[in-house]
Every structure is written in C-alpha cells, then in structure tokens.
Amino acid sequence: MTLGTTTSLMRAVAEAVADCESEEIAGANGRAVLRTRLGWTTDREARADVLSHFAAVAQAVFQSFVASDDTVAGVQDALSESETWYAASHATPFGVLFEHTVSETPLVDF
C-alpha cells in the first residue's frame, strides 16, 4: 500500500473513531471505513475476515485517542499485524485491495 493510500485510510479511520464511546463501536466504524474505501457493498466470508482483522487497527486508533501517553506505536503495530496476516493468508500484500480498476461504462443516449 502506498504511503498516500495508507495516510488517507488512517486519516479516515481516525475521523471515524475519534468520538466513539467504546472500542467495539470504534472497530465497527473502522470496518465501515475500510468497506467503503474498498467499494465492498456485499458480504463474503473472505471480506468478513479482512474486516475483522482490520477492526483491531481501528480499536488501536481509538486507544491512541484515550491513552495518556499519546503514542501511535500501538496503531503501527496493529496495522502491521493486519497487513502481515493478509499477506500470509492471501499471498498478496494488503495494498492490492486498493488497486481495483473501474471499468468504463459506455454512454448511451436513447
């Protein structure tokens, strides 16, 4: 995943979890952000696994907001663990998910 993609994703996750009342809600909001970014509108088992692992990232972001030491190490570790799990489970890097191409639809006038 490129630095720009990572930064954009993590910024969106941070915005989505900043005002959450619990880690559980933060995880759900983080999953929703990832689902939207990837354009996933249907549920599949493989997607559920990815979203489940990514919830830990969102929860780490939430914890970074409530922690008194204001560190991001936990977020970096959670993201790294999620990416490592994905690469081991799918034989491709996590960033591949963001490289979807949009097929052009012909414009037809009636």
PDB file of N, CA and C in Angstrom:
ATOM      1  N   MET A   1       0.859  -1.159   0.000  1.00  0.00           N
ATOM      2  CA  MET A   1       0.000   0.000   0.000  1.00  0.00           C
ATOM      3  C   MET A   1       0.904   1.221   0.000  1.00  0.00           C
ATOM      4  N   THR A   2       0.577   2.192  -0.832  1.00  0.00           N
ATOM      5  CA  THR A   2       1.412   3.386  -0.900  1.00  0.00           C
ATOM      6  C   THR A   2       1.229   4.229   0.351  1.00  0.00           C
ATOM      7  N   LEU A   3       2.190   5.080   0.595  1.00  0.00           N
ATOM      8  CA  LEU A   3       2.118   5.951   1.758  1.00  0.00           C
ATOM      9  C   LEU A   3       0.879   6.839   1.697  1.00  0.00           C
ATOM     10  N   GLY A   4       0.569   7.350   0.516  1.00  0.00           N
ATOM     11  CA  GLY A   4      -0.609   8.204   0.364  1.00  0.00           C
ATOM     12  C   GLY A   4      -1.905   7.465   0.661  1.00  0.00           C
ATOM     13  N   THR A   5      -1.988   6.224   0.200  1.00  0.00           N
ATOM     14  CA  THR A   5      -3.176   5.416   0.463  1.00  0.00           C
ATOM     15  C   THR A   5      -3.298   5.112   1.945  1.00  0.00           C
ATOM     16  N   THR A   6      -2.180   4.750   2.556  1.00  0.00           N
ATOM     17  CA  THR A   6      -2.179   4.457   3.988  1.00  0.00           C
ATOM     18  C   THR A   6      -2.577   5.690   4.786  1.00  0.00           C
ATOM     19  N   THR A   7      -1.997   6.814   4.456  1.00  0.00           N
ATOM     20  CA  THR A   7      -2.294   8.055   5.168  1.00  0.00           C
ATOM     21  C   THR A   7      -3.764   8.422   5.026  1.00  0.00           C
ATOM     22  N   SER A   8      -4.268   8.328   3.821  1.00  0.00           N
ATOM     23  CA  SER A   8      -5.670   8.656   3.571  1.00  0.00           C
ATOM     24  C   SER A   8      -6.605   7.725   4.342  1.00  0.00           C
ATOM     25  N   LEU A   9      -6.305   6.428   4.307  1.00  0.00           N
ATOM     26  CA  LEU A   9      -7.126   5.460   5.024  1.00  0.00           C
ATOM     27  C   LEU A   9      -7.088   5.720   6.524  1.00  0.00           C
ATOM     28  N   MET A  10      -5.900   5.897   7.066  1.00  0.00           N
ATOM     29  CA  MET A  10      -5.774   6.077   8.505  1.00  0.00           C
ATOM     30  C   MET A  10      -6.379   7.402   8.968  1.00  0.00           C
ATOM     31  N   ARG A  11      -6.315   8.421   8.147  1.00  0.00           N
ATOM     32  CA  ARG A  11      -6.964   9.689   8.474  1.00  0.00           C
ATOM     33  C   ARG A  11      -8.485   9.484   8.568  1.00  0.00           C
ATOM     34  N   ALA A  12      -9.038   8.753   7.600  1.00  0.00           N
ATOM     35  CA  ALA A  12     -10.479   8.488   7.599  1.00  0.00           C
ATOM     36  C   ALA A  12     -10.875   7.644   8.814  1.00  0.00           C
ATOM     37  N   VAL A  13     -10.056   6.671   9.160  1.00  0.00           N
ATOM     38  CA  VAL A  13     -10.333   5.849  10.335  1.00  0.00           C
ATOM     39  C   VAL A  13     -10.278   6.702  11.596  1.00  0.00           C
ATOM     40  N   ALA A  14      -9.271   7.544  11.703  1.00  0.00           N
ATOM     41  CA  ALA A  14      -9.148   8.415  12.879  1.00  0.00           C
ATOM     42  C   ALA A  14     -10.372   9.314  13.027  1.00  0.00           C
ATOM     43  N   GLU A  15     -10.840   9.869  11.929  1.00  0.00           N
ATOM     44  CA  GLU A  15     -12.033  10.716  11.976  1.00  0.00           C
ATOM     45  C   GLU A  15     -13.259   9.908  12.398  1.00  0.00           C
ATOM     46  N   ALA A  16     -13.337   8.666  11.948  1.00  0.00           N
ATOM     47  CA  ALA A  16     -14.496   7.830  12.245  1.00  0.00           C
ATOM     48  C   ALA A  16     -14.531   7.334  13.689  1.00  0.00           C
ATOM     49  N   VAL A  17     -13.377   7.221  14.327  1.00  0.00           N
ATOM     50  CA  VAL A  17     -13.348   6.675  15.691  1.00  0.00           C
ATOM     51  C   VAL A  17     -13.082   7.720  16.767  1.00  0.00           C
ATOM     52  N   ALA A  18     -12.775   8.925  16.382  1.00  0.00           N
ATOM     53  CA  ALA A  18     -12.375   9.954  17.354  1.00  0.00           C
ATOM     54  C   ALA A  18     -13.402  10.172  18.456  1.00  0.00           C
ATOM     55  N   ASP A  19     -14.657  10.152  18.130  1.00  0.00           N
ATOM     56  CA  ASP A  19     -15.696  10.452  19.119  1.00  0.00           C
ATOM     57  C   ASP A  19     -16.467   9.213  19.579  1.00  0.00           C
ATOM     58  N   CYS A  20     -15.923   8.048  19.333  1.00  0.00           N
ATOM     59  CA  CYS A  20     -16.607   6.817  19.726  1.00  0.00           C
ATOM     60  C   CYS A  20     -16.616   6.671  21.244  1.00  0.00           C
ATOM     61  N   GLU A  21     -17.615   5.964  21.717  1.00  0.00           N
ATOM     62  CA  GLU A  21     -17.750   5.753  23.153  1.00  0.00           C
ATOM     63  C   GLU A  21     -17.066   4.470  23.628  1.00  0.00           C
ATOM     64  N   SER A  22     -16.727   3.585  22.696  1.00  0.00           N
ATOM     65  CA  SER A  22     -16.109   2.323  23.103  1.00  0.00           C
ATOM     66  C   SER A  22     -15.251   1.758  21.976  1.00  0.00           C
ATOM     67  N   GLU A  23     -14.400   0.801  22.348  1.00  0.00           N
ATOM     68  CA  GLU A  23     -13.574   0.119  21.352  1.00  0.00           C
ATOM     69  C   GLU A  23     -14.437  -0.644  20.355  1.00  0.00           C
ATOM     70  N   GLU A  24     -15.519  -1.235  20.847  1.00  0.00           N
ATOM     71  CA  GLU A  24     -16.403  -2.004  19.974  1.00  0.00           C
ATOM     72  C   GLU A  24     -16.987  -1.122  18.867  1.00  0.00           C
ATOM     73  N   ILE A  25     -17.447   0.053  19.244  1.00  0.00           N
ATOM     74  CA  ILE A  25     -18.000   0.984  18.259  1.00  0.00           C
ATOM     75  C   ILE A  25     -16.900   1.468  17.324  1.00  0.00           C
ATOM     76  N   ALA A  26     -15.724   1.716  17.873  1.00  0.00           N
ATOM     77  CA  ALA A  26     -14.587   2.136  17.037  1.00  0.00           C
ATOM     78  C   ALA A  26     -14.254   1.064  16.007  1.00  0.00           C
ATOM     79  N   GLY A  27     -14.268  -0.191  16.427  1.00  0.00           N
ATOM     80  CA  GLY A  27     -14.000  -1.290  15.494  1.00  0.00           C
ATOM     81  C   GLY A  27     -15.029  -1.339  14.382  1.00  0.00           C
ATOM     82  N   ALA A  28     -16.288  -1.158  14.741  1.00  0.00           N
ATOM     83  CA  ALA A  28     -17.353  -1.161  13.734  1.00  0.00           C
ATOM     84  C   ALA A  28     -17.203   0.011  12.773  1.00  0.00           C
ATOM     85  N   ASN A  29     -16.874   1.175  13.290  1.00  0.00           N
ATOM     86  CA  ASN A  29     -16.682   2.348  12.428  1.00  0.00           C
ATOM     87  C   ASN A  29     -15.476   2.173  11.512  1.00  0.00           C
ATOM     88  N   GLY A  30     -14.410   1.595  12.033  1.00  0.00           N
ATOM     89  CA  GLY A  30     -13.228   1.343  11.216  1.00  0.00           C
ATOM     90  C   GLY A  30     -13.514   0.353  10.099  1.00  0.00           C
ATOM     91  N   ARG A  31     -14.274  -0.685  10.429  1.00  0.00           N
ATOM     92  CA  ARG A  31     -14.661  -1.647   9.388  1.00  0.00           C
ATOM     93  C   ARG A  31     -15.492  -0.968   8.312  1.00  0.00           C
ATOM     94  N   ALA A  32     -16.380  -0.080   8.723  1.00  0.00           N
ATOM     95  CA  ALA A  32     -17.218   0.631   7.746  1.00  0.00           C
ATOM     96  C   ALA A  32     -16.377   1.514   6.830  1.00  0.00           C
ATOM     97  N   VAL A  33     -15.373   2.161   7.377  1.00  0.00           N
ATOM     98  CA  VAL A  33     -14.486   2.993   6.561  1.00  0.00           C
ATOM     99  C   VAL A  33     -13.763   2.132   5.532  1.00  0.00           C
ATOM    100  N   LEU A  34     -13.197   1.016   5.970  1.00  0.00           N
ATOM    101  CA  LEU A  34     -12.464   0.144   5.044  1.00  0.00           C
ATOM    102  C   LEU A  34     -13.403  -0.407   3.977  1.00  0.00           C
ATOM    103  N   ARG A  35     -14.577  -0.833   4.381  1.00  0.00           N
ATOM    104  CA  ARG A  35     -15.566  -1.368   3.440  1.00  0.00           C
ATOM    105  C   ARG A  35     -15.886  -0.322   2.371  1.00  0.00           C
ATOM    106  N   THR A  36     -16.086   0.912   2.779  1.00  0.00           N
ATOM    107  CA  THR A  36     -16.399   1.990   1.834  1.00  0.00           C
ATOM    108  C   THR A  36     -15.223   2.262   0.910  1.00  0.00           C
ATOM    109  N   ARG A  37     -14.017   2.324   1.470  1.00  0.00           N
ATOM    110  CA  ARG A  37     -12.825   2.593   0.662  1.00  0.00           C
ATOM    111  C   ARG A  37     -12.585   1.525  -0.399  1.00  0.00           C
ATOM    112  N   LEU A  38     -12.954   0.292  -0.069  1.00  0.00           N
ATOM    113  CA  LEU A  38     -12.736  -0.809  -1.000  1.00  0.00           C
ATOM    114  C   LEU A  38     -13.928  -1.033  -1.925  1.00  0.00           C
ATOM    115  N   GLY A  39     -15.003  -0.305  -1.683  1.00  0.00           N
ATOM    116  CA  GLY A  39     -16.184  -0.438  -2.525  1.00  0.00           C
ATOM    117  C   GLY A  39     -16.924  -1.748  -2.312  1.00  0.00           C
ATOM    118  N   TRP A  40     -16.795  -2.312  -1.121  1.00  0.00           N
ATOM    119  CA  TRP A  40     -17.448  -3.578  -0.820  1.00  0.00           C
ATOM    120  C   TRP A  40     -18.886  -3.323  -0.390  1.00  0.00           C
ATOM    121  N   THR A  41     -19.826  -3.697  -1.225  1.00  0.00           N
ATOM    122  CA  THR A  41     -21.236  -3.496  -0.907  1.00  0.00           C
ATOM    123  C   THR A  41     -21.945  -4.795  -0.560  1.00  0.00           C
ATOM    124  N   THR A  42     -21.258  -5.922  -0.743  1.00  0.00           N
ATOM    125  CA  THR A  42     -21.831  -7.223  -0.403  1.00  0.00           C
ATOM    126  C   THR A  42     -20.934  -7.922   0.606  1.00  0.00           C
ATOM    127  N   ASP A  43     -21.521  -8.852   1.331  1.00  0.00           N
ATOM    128  CA  ASP A  43     -20.766  -9.611   2.324  1.00  0.00           C
ATOM    129  C   ASP A  43     -20.308 -10.935   1.737  1.00  0.00           C
ATOM    130  N   ARG A  44     -19.071 -11.257   2.039  1.00  0.00           N
ATOM    131  CA  ARG A  44     -18.484 -12.548   1.680  1.00  0.00           C
ATOM    132  C   ARG A  44     -17.596 -12.954   2.837  1.00  0.00           C
ATOM    133  N   GLU A  45     -17.356 -14.239   2.956  1.00  0.00           N
ATOM    134  CA  GLU A  45     -16.558 -14.730   4.074  1.00  0.00           C
ATOM    135  C   GLU A  45     -15.146 -14.138   4.082  1.00  0.00           C
ATOM    136  N   ALA A  46     -14.516 -14.087   2.914  1.00  0.00           N
ATOM    137  CA  ALA A  46     -13.153 -13.535   2.837  1.00  0.00           C
ATOM    138  C   ALA A  46     -13.140 -12.062   3.238  1.00  0.00           C
ATOM    139  N   ARG A  47     -14.146 -11.331   2.823  1.00  0.00           N
ATOM    140  CA  ARG A  47     -14.229  -9.917   3.192  1.00  0.00           C
ATOM    141  C   ARG A  47     -14.459  -9.763   4.690  1.00  0.00           C
ATOM    142  N   ALA A  48     -15.280 -10.616   5.250  1.00  0.00           N
ATOM    143  CA  ALA A  48     -15.541 -10.564   6.692  1.00  0.00           C
ATOM    144  C   ALA A  48     -14.257 -10.792   7.479  1.00  0.00           C
ATOM    145  N   ASP A  49     -13.406 -11.696   7.004  1.00  0.00           N
ATOM    146  CA  ASP A  49     -12.122 -11.941   7.667  1.00  0.00           C
ATOM    147  C   ASP A  49     -11.238 -10.695   7.630  1.00  0.00           C
ATOM    148  N   VAL A  50     -11.162 -10.059   6.473  1.00  0.00           N
ATOM    149  CA  VAL A  50     -10.343  -8.851   6.335  1.00  0.00           C
ATOM    150  C   VAL A  50     -10.870  -7.763   7.259  1.00  0.00           C
ATOM    151  N   LEU A  51     -12.168  -7.552   7.243  1.00  0.00           N
ATOM    152  CA  LEU A  51     -12.773  -6.513   8.074  1.00  0.00           C
ATOM    153  C   LEU A  51     -12.587  -6.806   9.556  1.00  0.00           C
ATOM    154  N   SER A  52     -12.685  -8.064   9.918  1.00  0.00           N
ATOM    155  CA  SER A  52     -12.496  -8.457  11.313  1.00  0.00           C
ATOM    156  C   SER A  52     -11.078  -8.156  11.784  1.00  0.00           C
ATOM    157  N   HIS A  53     -10.098  -8.485  10.975  1.00  0.00           N
ATOM    158  CA  HIS A  53      -8.714  -8.194  11.346  1.00  0.00           C
ATOM    159  C   HIS A  53      -8.436  -6.695  11.365  1.00  0.00           C
ATOM    160  N   PHE A  54      -9.076  -5.959  10.468  1.00  0.00           N
ATOM    161  CA  PHE A  54      -8.848  -4.513  10.428  1.00  0.00           C
ATOM    162  C   PHE A  54      -9.490  -3.800  11.622  1.00  0.00           C
ATOM    163  N   ALA A  55     -10.492  -4.414  12.230  1.00  0.00           N
ATOM    164  CA  ALA A  55     -11.134  -3.803  13.399  1.00  0.00           C
ATOM    165  C   ALA A  55     -10.116  -3.522  14.498  1.00  0.00           C
ATOM    166  N   ALA A  56      -9.112  -4.387  14.630  1.00  0.00           N
ATOM    167  CA  ALA A  56      -8.070  -4.172  15.642  1.00  0.00           C
ATOM    168  C   ALA A  56      -7.301  -2.882  15.382  1.00  0.00           C
ATOM    169  N   VAL A  57      -7.149  -2.533  14.122  1.00  0.00           N
ATOM    170  CA  VAL A  57      -6.473  -1.276  13.765  1.00  0.00           C
ATOM    171  C   VAL A  57      -7.312  -0.090  14.244  1.00  0.00           C
ATOM    172  N   ALA A  58      -8.590  -0.131  13.951  1.00  0.00           N
ATOM    173  CA  ALA A  58      -9.482   0.955  14.373  1.00  0.00           C
ATOM    174  C   ALA A  58      -9.528   1.058  15.895  1.00  0.00           C
ATOM    175  N   GLN A  59      -9.514  -0.074  16.560  1.00  0.00           N
ATOM    176  CA  GLN A  59      -9.528  -0.062  18.023  1.00  0.00           C
ATOM    177  C   GLN A  59      -8.227   0.519  18.575  1.00  0.00           C
ATOM    178  N   ALA A  60      -7.122   0.251  17.917  1.00  0.00           N
ATOM    179  CA  ALA A  60      -5.842   0.828  18.343  1.00  0.00           C
ATOM    180  C   ALA A  60      -5.844   2.338  18.137  1.00  0.00           C
ATOM    181  N   VAL A  61      -6.449   2.790  17.044  1.00  0.00           N
ATOM    182  CA  VAL A  61      -6.566   4.235  16.820  1.00  0.00           C
ATOM    183  C   VAL A  61      -7.403   4.851  17.936  1.00  0.00           C
ATOM    184  N   PHE A  62      -8.518   4.216  18.274  1.00  0.00           N
ATOM    185  CA  PHE A  62      -9.366   4.699  19.363  1.00  0.00           C
ATOM    186  C   PHE A  62      -8.568   4.783  20.660  1.00  0.00           C
ATOM    187  N   GLN A  63      -7.805   3.731  20.966  1.00  0.00           N
ATOM    188  CA  GLN A  63      -6.997   3.727  22.190  1.00  0.00           C
ATOM    189  C   GLN A  63      -5.958   4.835  22.185  1.00  0.00           C
ATOM    190  N   SER A  64      -5.450   5.175  21.001  1.00  0.00           N
ATOM    191  CA  SER A  64      -4.455   6.251  20.943  1.00  0.00           C
ATOM    192  C   SER A  64      -5.082   7.593  21.320  1.00  0.00           C
ATOM    193  N   PHE A  65      -6.383   7.739  21.100  1.00  0.00           N
ATOM    194  CA  PHE A  65      -7.065   8.977  21.494  1.00  0.00           C
ATOM    195  C   PHE A  65      -7.304   9.034  23.000  1.00  0.00           C
ATOM    196  N   VAL A  66      -7.543   7.885  23.623  1.00  0.00           N
ATOM    197  CA  VAL A  66      -7.850   7.884  25.050  1.00  0.00           C
ATOM    198  C   VAL A  66      -6.627   7.648  25.923  1.00  0.00           C
ATOM    199  N   ALA A  67      -5.492   7.248  25.327  1.00  0.00           N
ATOM    200  CA  ALA A  67      -4.271   6.990  26.091  1.00  0.00           C
ATOM    201  C   ALA A  67      -3.644   8.296  26.545  1.00  0.00           C
ATOM    202  N   SER A  68      -3.080   8.260  27.718  1.00  0.00           N
ATOM    203  CA  SER A  68      -2.464   9.469  28.256  1.00  0.00           C
ATOM    204  C   SER A  68      -1.080   9.741  27.674  1.00  0.00           C
ATOM    205  N   ASP A  69      -0.445   8.716  27.090  1.00  0.00           N
ATOM    206  CA  ASP A  69       0.916   8.908  26.585  1.00  0.00           C
ATOM    207  C   ASP A  69       0.956   9.370  25.127  1.00  0.00           C
ATOM    208  N   ASP A  70      -0.189   9.443  24.466  1.00  0.00           N
ATOM    209  CA  ASP A  70      -0.308   9.984  23.106  1.00  0.00           C
ATOM    210  C   ASP A  70       0.689   9.334  22.140  1.00  0.00           C
ATOM    211  N   THR A  71       0.757   8.014  22.148  1.00  0.00           N
ATOM    212  CA  THR A  71       1.669   7.302  21.262  1.00  0.00           C
ATOM    213  C   THR A  71       0.915   6.639  20.120  1.00  0.00           C
ATOM    214  N   VAL A  72       1.591   6.463  19.011  1.00  0.00           N
ATOM    215  CA  VAL A  72       0.985   5.812  17.855  1.00  0.00           C
ATOM    216  C   VAL A  72       1.586   4.423  17.622  1.00  0.00           C
ATOM    217  N   ALA A  73       2.469   3.995  18.492  1.00  0.00           N
ATOM    218  CA  ALA A  73       3.119   2.692  18.326  1.00  0.00           C
ATOM    219  C   ALA A  73       2.096   1.566  18.260  1.00  0.00           C
ATOM    220  N   GLY A  74       1.072   1.632  19.077  1.00  0.00           N
ATOM    221  CA  GLY A  74       0.039   0.600  19.062  1.00  0.00           C
ATOM    222  C   GLY A  74      -0.702   0.560  17.739  1.00  0.00           C
ATOM    223  N   VAL A  75      -0.915   1.715  17.142  1.00  0.00           N
ATOM    224  CA  VAL A  75      -1.584   1.789  15.839  1.00  0.00           C
ATOM    225  C   VAL A  75      -0.689   1.179  14.770  1.00  0.00           C
ATOM    226  N   GLN A  76       0.575   1.539  14.792  1.00  0.00           N
ATOM    227  CA  GLN A  76       1.520   0.991  13.814  1.00  0.00           C
ATOM    228  C   GLN A  76       1.618  -0.520  13.941  1.00  0.00           C
ATOM    229  N   ASP A  77       1.656  -1.009  15.168  1.00  0.00           N
ATOM    230  CA  ASP A  77       1.736  -2.457  15.386  1.00  0.00           C
ATOM    231  C   ASP A  77       0.478  -3.160  14.884  1.00  0.00           C
ATOM    232  N   ALA A  78      -0.692  -2.596  15.176  1.00  0.00           N
ATOM    233  CA  ALA A  78      -1.957  -3.208  14.748  1.00  0.00           C
ATOM    234  C   ALA A  78      -2.064  -3.223  13.226  1.00  0.00           C
ATOM    235  N   LEU A  79      -1.669  -2.138  12.581  1.00  0.00           N
ATOM    236  CA  LEU A  79      -1.721  -2.082  11.125  1.00  0.00           C
ATOM    237  C   LEU A  79      -0.738  -3.090  10.525  1.00  0.00           C
ATOM    238  N   SER A  80       0.444  -3.158  11.090  1.00  0.00           N
ATOM    239  CA  SER A  80       1.448  -4.106  10.612  1.00  0.00           C
ATOM    240  C   SER A  80       0.963  -5.550  10.776  1.00  0.00           C
ATOM    241  N   GLU A  81       0.370  -5.856  11.916  1.00  0.00           N
ATOM    242  CA  GLU A  81      -0.148  -7.207  12.149  1.00  0.00           C
ATOM    243  C   GLU A  81      -1.266  -7.542  11.167  1.00  0.00           C
ATOM    244  N   SER A  82      -2.134  -6.584  10.904  1.00  0.00           N
ATOM    245  CA  SER A  82      -3.230  -6.800   9.955  1.00  0.00           C
ATOM    246  C   SER A  82      -2.684  -7.042   8.547  1.00  0.00           C
ATOM    247  N   GLU A  83      -1.711  -6.241   8.142  1.00  0.00           N
ATOM    248  CA  GLU A  83      -1.112  -6.403   6.817  1.00  0.00           C
ATOM    249  C   GLU A  83      -0.351  -7.723   6.707  1.00  0.00           C
ATOM    250  N   THR A  84       0.344  -8.108   7.767  1.00  0.00           N
ATOM    251  CA  THR A  84       1.085  -9.371   7.773  1.00  0.00           C
ATOM    252  C   THR A  84       0.121 -10.550   7.681  1.00  0.00           C
ATOM    253  N   TRP A  85      -0.969 -10.505   8.448  1.00  0.00           N
ATOM    254  CA  TRP A  85      -1.982 -11.565   8.372  1.00  0.00           C
ATOM    255  C   TRP A  85      -2.524 -11.664   6.952  1.00  0.00           C
ATOM    256  N   TYR A  86      -2.838 -10.518   6.344  1.00  0.00           N
ATOM    257  CA  TYR A  86      -3.408 -10.540   4.999  1.00  0.00           C
ATOM    258  C   TYR A  86      -2.428 -11.172   4.004  1.00  0.00           C
ATOM    259  N   ALA A  87      -1.195 -10.746   4.047  1.00  0.00           N
ATOM    260  CA  ALA A  87      -0.185 -11.269   3.119  1.00  0.00           C
ATOM    261  C   ALA A  87       0.003 -12.781   3.291  1.00  0.00           C
ATOM    262  N   ALA A  88      -0.006 -13.249   4.531  1.00  0.00           N
ATOM    263  CA  ALA A  88       0.160 -14.677   4.782  1.00  0.00           C
ATOM    264  C   ALA A  88      -1.074 -15.472   4.347  1.00  0.00           C
ATOM    265  N   SER A  89      -2.235 -14.881   4.479  1.00  0.00           N
ATOM    266  CA  SER A  89      -3.485 -15.574   4.157  1.00  0.00           C
ATOM    267  C   SER A  89      -3.845 -15.532   2.681  1.00  0.00           C
ATOM    268  N   HIS A  90      -3.347 -14.515   1.985  1.00  0.00           N
ATOM    269  CA  HIS A  90      -3.771 -14.319   0.599  1.00  0.00           C
ATOM    270  C   HIS A  90      -2.626 -14.317  -0.413  1.00  0.00           C
ATOM    271  N   ALA A  91      -1.420 -14.454   0.037  1.00  0.00           N
ATOM    272  CA  ALA A  91      -0.235 -14.492  -0.825  1.00  0.00           C
ATOM    273  C   ALA A  91      -0.059 -13.219  -1.657  1.00  0.00           C
ATOM    274  N   THR A  92      -0.703 -12.157  -1.247  1.00  0.00           N
ATOM    275  CA  THR A  92      -0.518 -10.839  -1.871  1.00  0.00           C
ATOM    276  C   THR A  92      -0.524  -9.793  -0.765  1.00  0.00           C
ATOM    277  N   PRO A  93       0.083  -8.651  -0.991  1.00  0.00           N
ATOM    278  CA  PRO A  93       0.069  -7.606   0.025  1.00  0.00           C
ATOM    279  C   PRO A  93      -1.325  -6.989   0.178  1.00  0.00           C
ATOM    280  N   PHE A  94      -1.591  -6.479   1.357  1.00  0.00           N
ATOM    281  CA  PHE A  94      -2.866  -5.834   1.683  1.00  0.00           C
ATOM    282  C   PHE A  94      -3.193  -4.708   0.701  1.00  0.00           C
ATOM    283  N   GLY A  95      -2.187  -3.983   0.262  1.00  0.00           N
ATOM    284  CA  GLY A  95      -2.383  -2.848  -0.640  1.00  0.00           C
ATOM    285  C   GLY A  95      -3.011  -3.208  -1.969  1.00  0.00           C
ATOM    286  N   VAL A  96      -2.923  -4.466  -2.361  1.00  0.00           N
ATOM    287  CA  VAL A  96      -3.528  -4.912  -3.614  1.00  0.00           C
ATOM    288  C   VAL A  96      -5.035  -4.642  -3.602  1.00  0.00           C
ATOM    289  N   LEU A  97      -5.639  -4.687  -2.439  1.00  0.00           N
ATOM    290  CA  LEU A  97      -7.081  -4.436  -2.344  1.00  0.00           C
ATOM    291  C   LEU A  97      -7.466  -3.043  -2.847  1.00  0.00           C
ATOM    292  N   PHE A  98      -6.545  -2.116  -2.771  1.00  0.00           N
ATOM    293  CA  PHE A  98      -6.831  -0.739  -3.165  1.00  0.00           C
ATOM    294  C   PHE A  98      -6.536  -0.472  -4.633  1.00  0.00           C
ATOM    295  N   GLU A  99      -6.065  -1.487  -5.335  1.00  0.00           N
ATOM    296  CA  GLU A  99      -5.696  -1.324  -6.738  1.00  0.00           C
ATOM    297  C   GLU A  99      -6.782  -1.819  -7.686  1.00  0.00           C
ATOM    298  N   HIS A 100      -8.024  -1.650  -7.299  1.00  0.00           N
ATOM    299  CA  HIS A 100      -9.111  -2.081  -8.181  1.00  0.00           C
ATOM    300  C   HIS A 100      -9.317  -1.043  -9.283  1.00  0.00           C
ATOM    301  N   THR A 101      -9.567  -1.549 -10.459  1.00  0.00           N
ATOM    302  CA  THR A 101      -9.788  -0.656 -11.590  1.00  0.00           C
ATOM    303  C   THR A 101     -11.278  -0.496 -11.829  1.00  0.00           C
ATOM    304  N   VAL A 102     -11.636   0.665 -12.279  1.00  0.00           N
ATOM    305  CA  VAL A 102     -13.032   0.956 -12.578  1.00  0.00           C
ATOM    306  C   VAL A 102     -13.220   0.807 -14.076  1.00  0.00           C
ATOM    307  N   SER A 103     -14.075  -0.115 -14.450  1.00  0.00           N
ATOM    308  CA  SER A 103     -14.294  -0.310 -15.879  1.00  0.00           C
ATOM    309  C   SER A 103     -15.185   0.809 -16.406  1.00  0.00           C
ATOM    310  N   GLU A 104     -14.877   1.217 -17.608  1.00  0.00           N
ATOM    311  CA  GLU A 104     -15.649   2.292 -18.211  1.00  0.00           C
ATOM    312  C   GLU A 104     -16.954   1.744 -18.746  1.00  0.00           C
ATOM    313  N   THR A 105     -17.990   2.491 -18.493  1.00  0.00           N
ATOM    314  CA  THR A 105     -19.317   2.116 -18.963  1.00  0.00           C
ATOM    315  C   THR A 105     -19.643   3.026 -20.143  1.00  0.00           C
ATOM    316  N   PRO A 106     -20.036   2.435 -21.270  1.00  0.00           N
ATOM    317  CA  PRO A 106     -20.334   3.275 -22.418  1.00  0.00           C
ATOM    318  C   PRO A 106     -21.568   4.151 -22.169  1.00  0.00           C
ATOM    319  N   LEU A 107     -21.496   5.349 -22.636  1.00  0.00           N
ATOM    320  CA  LEU A 107     -22.621   6.276 -22.537  1.00  0.00           C
ATOM    321  C   LEU A 107     -23.532   6.059 -23.738  1.00  0.00           C
ATOM    322  N   VAL A 108     -24.786   5.791 -23.436  1.00  0.00           N
ATOM    323  CA  VAL A 108     -25.743   5.517 -24.497  1.00  0.00           C
ATOM    324  C   VAL A 108     -26.902   6.502 -24.366  1.00  0.00           C
ATOM    325  N   ASP A 109     -27.211   7.177 -25.450  1.00  0.00           N
ATOM    326  CA  ASP A 109     -28.350   8.073 -25.455  1.00  0.00           C
ATOM    327  C   ASP A 109     -29.540   7.357 -26.072  1.00  0.00           C
ATOM    328  N   PHE A 110     -30.685   7.519 -25.469  1.00  0.00           N
ATOM    329  CA  PHE A 110     -31.901   6.910 -26.007  1.00  0.00           C
ATOM    330  C   PHE A 110     -32.813   7.958 -26.558  1.00  0.00           C
TER     331      PHE A 110
END
